[in-house]
Protein backbone atom coordinates (compact mmCIF):
# COMPACT_ATOMS: atom_id res chain seq x y z
CA UNK A 1 16.56 22.93 -46.10
CA UNK A 2 13.64 22.90 -48.44
CA UNK A 3 12.99 20.18 -50.92
CA UNK A 4 15.60 17.97 -49.29
CA UNK A 5 13.87 14.75 -48.17
CA UNK A 6 16.93 12.78 -47.24
CA UNK A 7 18.90 12.38 -44.00
CA UNK A 8 21.98 14.40 -42.91
CA UNK A 9 24.62 12.91 -40.86
CA UNK A 10 26.86 15.30 -38.89
CA UNK A 11 30.31 13.84 -37.74
CA UNK A 12 31.97 15.93 -34.88
CA UNK A 13 35.54 14.87 -34.04
CA UNK A 14 36.44 16.10 -30.59
CA UNK A 15 39.61 16.16 -28.56
CA UNK A 16 39.66 17.76 -25.19
CA UNK A 17 36.49 19.80 -25.90
CA UNK A 18 34.60 19.38 -22.61
CA UNK A 19 34.16 23.07 -22.34
CA UNK A 20 32.46 23.41 -25.75
CA UNK A 21 30.92 20.10 -26.80
CA UNK A 22 27.61 20.60 -24.86
CA UNK A 23 26.94 23.93 -26.32
CA UNK A 24 27.98 22.76 -29.82
CA UNK A 25 25.49 19.88 -29.68
CA UNK A 26 22.63 21.98 -28.40
CA UNK A 27 23.20 24.62 -31.10
CA UNK A 28 23.33 21.95 -33.78
CA UNK A 29 20.12 20.37 -32.49
CA UNK A 30 18.40 23.82 -32.57
CA UNK A 31 19.53 24.28 -36.20
CA UNK A 32 18.13 21.03 -37.31
CA UNK A 33 14.85 21.41 -35.34
CA UNK A 34 14.39 24.74 -37.05
CA UNK A 35 15.13 23.29 -40.47
CA UNK A 36 12.93 20.24 -40.06
CA UNK A 37 15.30 17.84 -41.80
CA UNK A 38 15.99 14.21 -40.85
CA UNK A 39 19.42 14.10 -39.14
CA UNK A 40 21.77 12.34 -36.87
CA UNK A 41 24.90 13.57 -35.02
CA UNK A 42 27.90 11.41 -34.28
CA UNK A 43 30.42 12.75 -31.77
CA UNK A 44 33.75 11.01 -31.91
CA UNK A 45 35.91 11.41 -28.74
CA UNK A 46 39.48 10.99 -30.06
CA UNK A 47 41.24 9.99 -26.84
CA UNK A 48 40.43 13.07 -24.90
CA UNK A 49 42.06 13.58 -21.45
CA UNK A 50 39.12 15.60 -20.10
CA UNK A 51 35.36 15.04 -19.83
CA UNK A 52 34.39 15.36 -23.50
CA UNK A 53 32.55 12.03 -23.69
CA UNK A 54 30.91 12.68 -20.32
CA UNK A 55 29.61 16.14 -21.40
CA UNK A 56 28.44 14.94 -24.84
CA UNK A 57 26.56 12.04 -23.20
CA UNK A 58 24.67 14.47 -20.95
CA UNK A 59 23.22 15.99 -24.06
CA UNK A 60 22.77 12.61 -25.90
CA UNK A 61 21.05 10.94 -22.95
CA UNK A 62 17.48 10.11 -24.06
CA UNK A 63 18.09 11.37 -27.62
CA UNK A 64 18.54 8.60 -30.06
CA UNK A 65 19.60 11.06 -32.82
CA UNK A 66 22.97 11.58 -31.12
CA UNK A 67 25.70 8.91 -30.82
CA UNK A 68 28.83 9.44 -28.66
CA UNK A 69 31.76 7.08 -29.44
CA UNK A 70 35.25 6.99 -28.08
CA UNK A 71 37.45 5.84 -30.96
CA UNK A 72 40.73 5.51 -28.99
CA UNK A 73 42.31 5.74 -25.53
CA UNK A 74 44.87 8.09 -27.05
CA UNK A 75 44.65 10.91 -29.52
CA UNK A 76 45.13 9.58 -33.04
CA UNK A 77 44.04 12.52 -35.09
CA UNK A 78 41.18 14.09 -36.90
CA UNK A 79 41.37 11.70 -39.82
CA UNK A 80 41.19 8.59 -37.65
CA UNK A 81 38.20 10.03 -35.71
CA UNK A 82 36.24 10.91 -38.82
CA UNK A 83 36.86 7.47 -40.34
CA UNK A 84 35.69 5.89 -37.10
CA UNK A 85 32.54 8.13 -37.03
CA UNK A 86 31.83 7.34 -40.69
CA UNK A 87 31.18 3.71 -39.76
CA UNK A 88 28.20 4.82 -37.54
CA UNK A 89 26.31 7.06 -40.11
CA UNK A 90 23.48 6.35 -42.52
CA UNK A 91 22.87 9.84 -44.09
CA UNK A 92 22.42 10.86 -47.70
CA UNK A 93 24.53 13.97 -46.94
CA UNK A 94 27.49 14.00 -44.52
CA UNK A 95 28.74 17.11 -42.63
CA UNK A 96 32.09 17.39 -41.01
CA UNK A 97 31.98 19.99 -38.23
CA UNK A 98 34.45 21.04 -35.55
CA UNK A 99 33.54 20.71 -31.91
CA UNK A 100 34.65 24.23 -30.82
CA UNK A 101 31.81 26.28 -32.29
CA UNK A 102 34.17 28.64 -34.07
CA UNK A 103 31.98 27.83 -37.07
CA UNK A 104 28.28 27.95 -36.07
CA UNK A 105 26.17 25.02 -37.41
CA UNK A 106 23.70 27.50 -38.92
CA UNK A 107 26.19 27.65 -41.82
CA UNK A 108 25.26 24.12 -42.81
CA UNK A 109 22.35 25.85 -44.67
CA UNK A 110 24.87 27.84 -46.75
CA UNK A 111 26.74 24.66 -47.70
CA UNK A 112 23.47 22.99 -48.83
CA UNK A 113 22.64 26.05 -50.83
CA UNK A 114 25.93 25.88 -52.73
CA UNK A 115 25.66 22.09 -53.20
CA UNK A 116 22.20 22.48 -54.80
CA UNK A 117 22.81 25.61 -56.93
CA UNK A 118 26.30 24.60 -58.17
CA UNK A 119 25.26 21.00 -58.65
CA UNK A 120 28.27 19.94 -56.57
CA UNK A 121 29.22 16.65 -54.94
CA UNK A 122 31.23 18.35 -52.13
CA UNK A 123 31.09 21.82 -50.61
CA UNK A 124 33.83 23.18 -48.36
CA UNK A 125 33.69 26.15 -46.11
CA UNK A 126 36.52 28.44 -47.07
CA UNK A 127 38.22 31.30 -45.15
CA UNK A 128 39.59 32.50 -48.49
CA UNK A 129 36.08 32.85 -50.18
CA UNK A 130 35.59 36.57 -50.88
CA UNK A 131 32.32 36.58 -48.93
CA UNK A 132 33.80 35.03 -45.86
CA UNK A 133 33.88 36.88 -42.55
CA UNK A 134 36.92 35.69 -40.60
CA UNK A 135 38.11 36.78 -37.16
CA UNK A 136 41.51 35.11 -37.07
CA UNK A 137 44.91 35.81 -35.59
CA UNK A 138 47.37 37.35 -38.06
CA UNK A 139 49.89 34.51 -37.67
CA UNK A 140 47.29 31.88 -38.42
CA UNK A 141 46.32 33.81 -41.55
CA UNK A 142 49.93 33.87 -42.77
CA UNK A 143 50.29 30.03 -42.20
CA UNK A 144 46.98 29.40 -43.99
CA UNK A 145 48.09 31.55 -47.00
CA UNK A 146 51.51 29.79 -47.20
CA UNK A 147 49.89 26.36 -47.02
CA UNK A 148 47.34 27.28 -49.76
CA UNK A 149 50.09 28.31 -52.18
CA UNK A 150 52.08 25.19 -51.33
CA UNK A 151 48.99 22.98 -52.13
CA UNK A 152 48.29 24.93 -55.27
CA UNK A 153 51.73 24.54 -56.58
CA UNK A 154 52.14 20.84 -55.68
CA UNK A 155 48.66 19.48 -56.51
CA UNK A 156 46.73 22.16 -58.54
CA UNK A 157 43.73 21.25 -56.46
CA UNK A 158 40.87 23.61 -57.40
CA UNK A 159 39.96 24.66 -53.85
CA UNK A 160 41.17 27.67 -51.86
CA UNK A 161 41.08 26.23 -48.43
CA UNK A 162 41.38 22.62 -47.39
CA UNK A 163 41.52 22.94 -43.69
CA UNK A 164 38.44 24.80 -42.51
CA UNK A 165 36.44 22.51 -40.31
CA UNK A 166 32.97 22.63 -42.02
CA UNK A 167 32.41 20.47 -45.12
CA UNK A 168 29.45 18.71 -46.75
CA UNK A 169 29.57 15.63 -48.91
CA UNK A 170 27.20 13.55 -50.82
CA UNK A 171 27.49 10.10 -49.27
CA UNK A 172 28.63 8.37 -52.39
CA UNK A 173 31.54 10.67 -53.01
CA UNK A 174 32.77 10.31 -49.39
CA UNK A 175 32.20 6.60 -49.38
CA UNK A 176 34.36 6.03 -52.45
CA UNK A 177 37.22 8.11 -51.13
CA UNK A 178 37.49 7.66 -47.33
CA UNK A 179 38.87 4.12 -47.42
CA UNK A 180 41.77 5.17 -49.59
CA UNK A 181 42.58 8.00 -47.21
CA UNK A 182 45.84 7.12 -45.42
CA UNK A 183 46.54 10.32 -43.37
CA UNK A 184 45.19 10.23 -39.82
CA UNK A 185 46.16 13.67 -38.60
CA UNK A 186 47.15 16.96 -40.01
CA UNK A 187 46.75 16.69 -43.70
CA UNK A 188 43.73 14.41 -43.75
CA UNK A 189 41.45 17.03 -45.37
CA UNK A 190 43.90 17.70 -48.15
CA UNK A 191 44.29 14.03 -49.00
CA UNK A 192 40.42 13.32 -48.82
CA UNK A 193 39.72 16.17 -51.19
CA UNK A 194 42.49 15.19 -53.59
CA UNK A 195 41.08 11.68 -53.84
CA UNK A 196 37.56 12.93 -54.38
CA UNK A 197 38.84 15.35 -57.13
CA UNK A 198 40.77 12.49 -58.82
CA UNK A 199 37.58 10.47 -58.71
CA UNK A 200 35.87 13.14 -60.95
CA UNK A 201 33.54 14.50 -58.28
CA UNK A 202 32.80 18.27 -58.29
CA UNK A 203 34.12 20.29 -55.29
CA UNK A 204 33.12 23.90 -54.65
CA UNK A 205 33.79 26.29 -51.81
CA UNK A 206 31.34 28.44 -49.88
CA UNK A 207 31.79 31.40 -47.60
CA UNK A 208 32.01 31.00 -43.75
CA UNK A 209 31.76 33.11 -40.83
CA UNK A 210 34.55 32.18 -38.40
CA UNK A 211 35.05 33.59 -34.95
CA UNK A 212 38.44 32.14 -33.61
CA UNK A 213 38.59 31.30 -29.92
CA UNK A 214 41.92 30.66 -28.29
CA UNK A 215 42.10 26.99 -27.40
CA UNK A 216 42.96 25.88 -23.88
CA UNK A 217 44.72 22.55 -24.84
CA UNK A 218 45.81 23.25 -28.37
CA UNK A 219 48.10 25.67 -30.19
CA UNK A 220 49.78 25.62 -33.63
CA UNK A 221 53.59 25.73 -33.14
CA UNK A 222 56.64 24.50 -35.11
CA UNK A 223 55.96 20.92 -34.14
CA UNK A 224 52.48 20.97 -35.65
CA UNK A 225 53.81 22.87 -38.76
CA UNK A 226 56.41 20.21 -39.21
CA UNK A 227 53.81 17.43 -39.09
CA UNK A 228 51.65 19.17 -41.62
CA UNK A 229 54.43 19.55 -44.04
CA UNK A 230 55.58 15.90 -43.37
CA UNK A 231 52.01 14.61 -44.14
CA UNK A 232 51.82 16.82 -47.17
CA UNK A 233 55.19 15.44 -48.45
CA UNK A 234 53.90 11.97 -47.99
CA UNK A 235 50.82 12.69 -50.09
CA UNK A 236 53.06 14.28 -52.76
CA UNK A 237 55.13 11.06 -52.80
CA UNK A 238 52.03 8.88 -53.16
CA UNK A 239 50.63 11.13 -55.70
CA UNK A 240 53.57 11.65 -58.12
CA UNK A 241 55.93 8.65 -57.38
CA UNK A 242 53.72 5.79 -56.38
CA UNK A 243 50.63 6.85 -58.53
CA UNK A 244 48.51 5.82 -55.51
CA UNK A 245 45.62 8.14 -56.46
CA UNK A 246 45.47 6.93 -60.07
CA UNK A 247 42.09 5.26 -60.70
């Protein structure tokens, strides 16, 4: 990324991603070697029941730009994993990236382009951006659309997609928000972006190319939908009743 002289930290939360994590790391390394930017990658194994840590360490062995940490012996959620990873980074920009390679790390360049051109503090990849190319099951699209309208009605947050797993933050904006973030699992991204917005930082969205791959260990069913709605209701309560996000 031209004219950027700082360091980029990539946090990759991973749960049961032994089939994908090696390839994800190799592809991410290729991207940064091509870009020529200073970087570090932190893989956070969130209580995986497979060989996620082992596979990640095979790639990180002898490479001091990659750290692999296991944040818990049981799965505690994306939010918990990212907060654990945040303690191990030192970059000027911070990227959240999923471990499954549905979103190729090449797209980090697009996020940086939007960050620079729009003078933003945070850029989020959005499936709802008009320039996005998304290969996604119809039922996941319906759930995403419904959740978008719920968030729009409840919080009037000026973003079209809180859940896509590729985001870029200026370190300062993330540092000021992440310690106030209480949700550890399903609505972590929503709460984090809401806090950042309330702090006055500028958030913009960028197009993504997403190629959905069925997950061996994970699926989104009624149980997961319930937990998303429960976490969202808790954020609503803290927002409007407790004024927790009033600064």
